[in-house]
Amino acid sequence: MRQDCKFFESRSYPSGETVRKCDLDLAPEAPWRCPDDCPAFQPRRADVAWQHGSLVTSPTPAEPASVGEDPSIGALLDEAEEIVNSVVDETRAEVAADRARQGSRWRRMFRRKKD
């Protein structure tokens, strides 16, 4: 991936795993490569208010042989994202309904006890 792109993000976790991704979700073959002529590529100009440690981004793992130029990869990932997004909306509606039914936490905490 183009690490000099404004939209490239890398994050390391305590387990040692590193996630490399495009913030705009335009790199279906992440973390190995961005599209050749990405319309959103913008060079990283400055890292405002960032704190850089002494560590550098760990090397990207070797690209598996299964990653190729197949456009169905991006289509499959888009379809999976649509499925997840549809469940998110439904779940938010369920949580909102539960909260409305239960009332606010403050109201439950300070309600008067019946004698």
Protein backbone atom coordinates (compact mmCIF):
# COMPACT_ATOMS: atom_id res chain seq x y z
CA MET A 1 0.00 0.00 0.00
CA ARG A 2 1.05 3.58 -0.46
CA GLN A 3 2.22 4.57 2.99
CA ASP A 4 2.78 8.13 1.80
CA CYS A 5 -0.95 8.58 1.06
CA LYS A 6 -2.99 10.89 3.26
CA PHE A 7 -5.62 8.17 3.73
CA PHE A 8 -3.27 5.31 4.69
CA GLU A 9 -3.64 4.18 8.29
CA SER A 10 -1.61 1.69 10.24
CA ARG A 11 -2.36 0.55 13.78
CA SER A 12 -0.51 -1.99 15.90
CA TYR A 13 -2.12 -3.92 18.74
CA PRO A 14 -0.56 -5.37 21.92
CA SER A 15 -0.88 -8.86 20.40
CA GLY A 16 1.66 -7.80 17.77
CA GLU A 17 -0.87 -7.74 14.96
CA THR A 18 -0.81 -4.70 12.67
CA VAL A 19 -3.73 -3.42 10.61
CA ARG A 20 -3.01 -1.47 7.42
CA LYS A 21 -5.94 0.09 5.62
CA CYS A 22 -7.31 2.88 3.49
CA ASP A 23 -9.53 5.22 5.53
CA LEU A 24 -11.73 5.70 2.44
CA ASP A 25 -12.15 1.96 1.92
CA LEU A 26 -10.79 2.21 -1.62
CA ALA A 27 -8.17 -0.54 -1.38
CA PRO A 28 -9.97 -3.89 -1.69
CA GLU A 29 -6.65 -5.76 -1.68
CA ALA A 30 -5.35 -4.12 1.50
CA PRO A 31 -2.85 -4.47 3.07
CA TRP A 32 -0.91 -5.53 -0.01
CA ARG A 33 -1.79 -2.87 -2.55
CA CYS A 34 -3.88 0.12 -3.50
CA PRO A 35 -5.54 0.45 -6.91
CA ASP A 36 -2.99 1.51 -9.55
CA ASP A 37 -4.76 4.76 -10.44
CA CYS A 38 -6.52 5.54 -7.16
CA PRO A 39 -8.58 8.71 -7.69
CA ALA A 40 -8.32 9.66 -4.01
CA PHE A 41 -4.51 9.44 -3.65
CA GLN A 42 -3.14 12.53 -1.95
CA PRO A 43 0.41 12.72 -0.66
CA ARG A 44 0.72 13.07 3.11
CA ARG A 45 1.78 16.66 3.71
CA ALA A 46 2.12 17.04 7.47
CA ASP A 47 1.30 15.08 10.56
CA VAL A 48 -0.35 17.78 12.64
CA ALA A 49 -0.53 17.13 16.40
CA TRP A 50 0.69 13.55 16.01
CA GLN A 51 3.13 11.95 18.38
CA HIS A 52 5.61 9.65 16.67
CA GLY A 53 7.35 6.97 18.64
CA SER A 54 10.68 5.38 17.89
CA LEU A 55 9.03 2.39 16.23
CA VAL A 56 8.31 2.17 12.53
CA THR A 57 5.53 0.33 10.72
CA SER A 58 6.32 -3.36 10.64
CA PRO A 59 6.85 -4.79 7.18
CA THR A 60 3.76 -5.89 5.29
CA PRO A 61 3.43 -9.68 5.20
CA ALA A 62 4.17 -11.42 1.92
CA GLU A 63 1.34 -11.20 -0.59
CA PRO A 64 -0.47 -14.53 -0.92
CA ALA A 65 -0.70 -16.11 -4.35
CA SER A 66 -4.51 -15.92 -4.17
CA VAL A 67 -4.47 -12.09 -4.37
CA GLY A 68 -4.78 -11.04 -7.95
CA GLU A 69 -6.38 -8.66 -10.37
CA ASP A 70 -9.83 -10.24 -9.99
CA PRO A 71 -12.46 -7.46 -9.72
CA SER A 72 -14.80 -9.84 -7.88
CA ILE A 73 -12.69 -9.37 -4.72
CA GLY A 74 -13.87 -5.80 -4.29
CA ALA A 75 -17.44 -6.75 -5.16
CA LEU A 76 -17.44 -9.51 -2.54
CA LEU A 77 -16.09 -7.16 0.14
CA ASP A 78 -18.67 -4.51 -0.78
CA GLU A 79 -21.44 -7.09 -0.49
CA ALA A 80 -20.18 -8.20 2.94
CA GLU A 81 -20.03 -4.58 4.08
CA GLU A 82 -23.64 -4.03 2.98
CA ILE A 83 -24.74 -7.05 5.02
CA VAL A 84 -22.96 -5.77 8.12
CA ASN A 85 -24.32 -2.25 7.66
CA SER A 86 -27.90 -3.53 7.36
CA VAL A 87 -27.56 -5.41 10.67
CA VAL A 88 -26.08 -2.34 12.37
CA ASP A 89 -29.17 -0.24 11.61
CA GLU A 90 -31.48 -2.98 12.87
CA THR A 91 -29.43 -3.42 16.06
CA ARG A 92 -29.42 0.32 16.76
CA ALA A 93 -33.22 0.37 16.44
CA GLU A 94 -33.52 -2.55 18.89
CA VAL A 95 -31.23 -0.85 21.42
CA ALA A 96 -33.15 2.43 21.12
CA ALA A 97 -36.44 0.58 21.69
CA ASP A 98 -35.03 -1.17 24.79
CA ARG A 99 -33.78 2.11 26.21
CA ALA A 100 -37.11 3.81 25.61
CA ARG A 101 -38.95 0.94 27.28
CA GLN A 102 -36.64 0.90 30.34
CA GLY A 103 -36.45 4.66 30.84
CA SER A 104 -33.34 6.59 31.64
CA ARG A 105 -30.78 5.39 34.15
CA TRP A 106 -31.27 8.52 36.30
CA ARG A 107 -35.01 8.01 36.46
CA ARG A 108 -34.55 4.40 37.59
CA MET A 109 -31.94 5.40 40.16
CA PHE A 110 -33.95 8.18 41.80
CA ARG A 111 -37.51 6.88 41.50
CA ARG A 112 -39.64 6.91 44.61
CA LYS A 113 -40.25 3.66 46.30
CA LYS A 114 -43.84 2.70 46.84
CA ASP A 115 -44.87 2.21 50.49
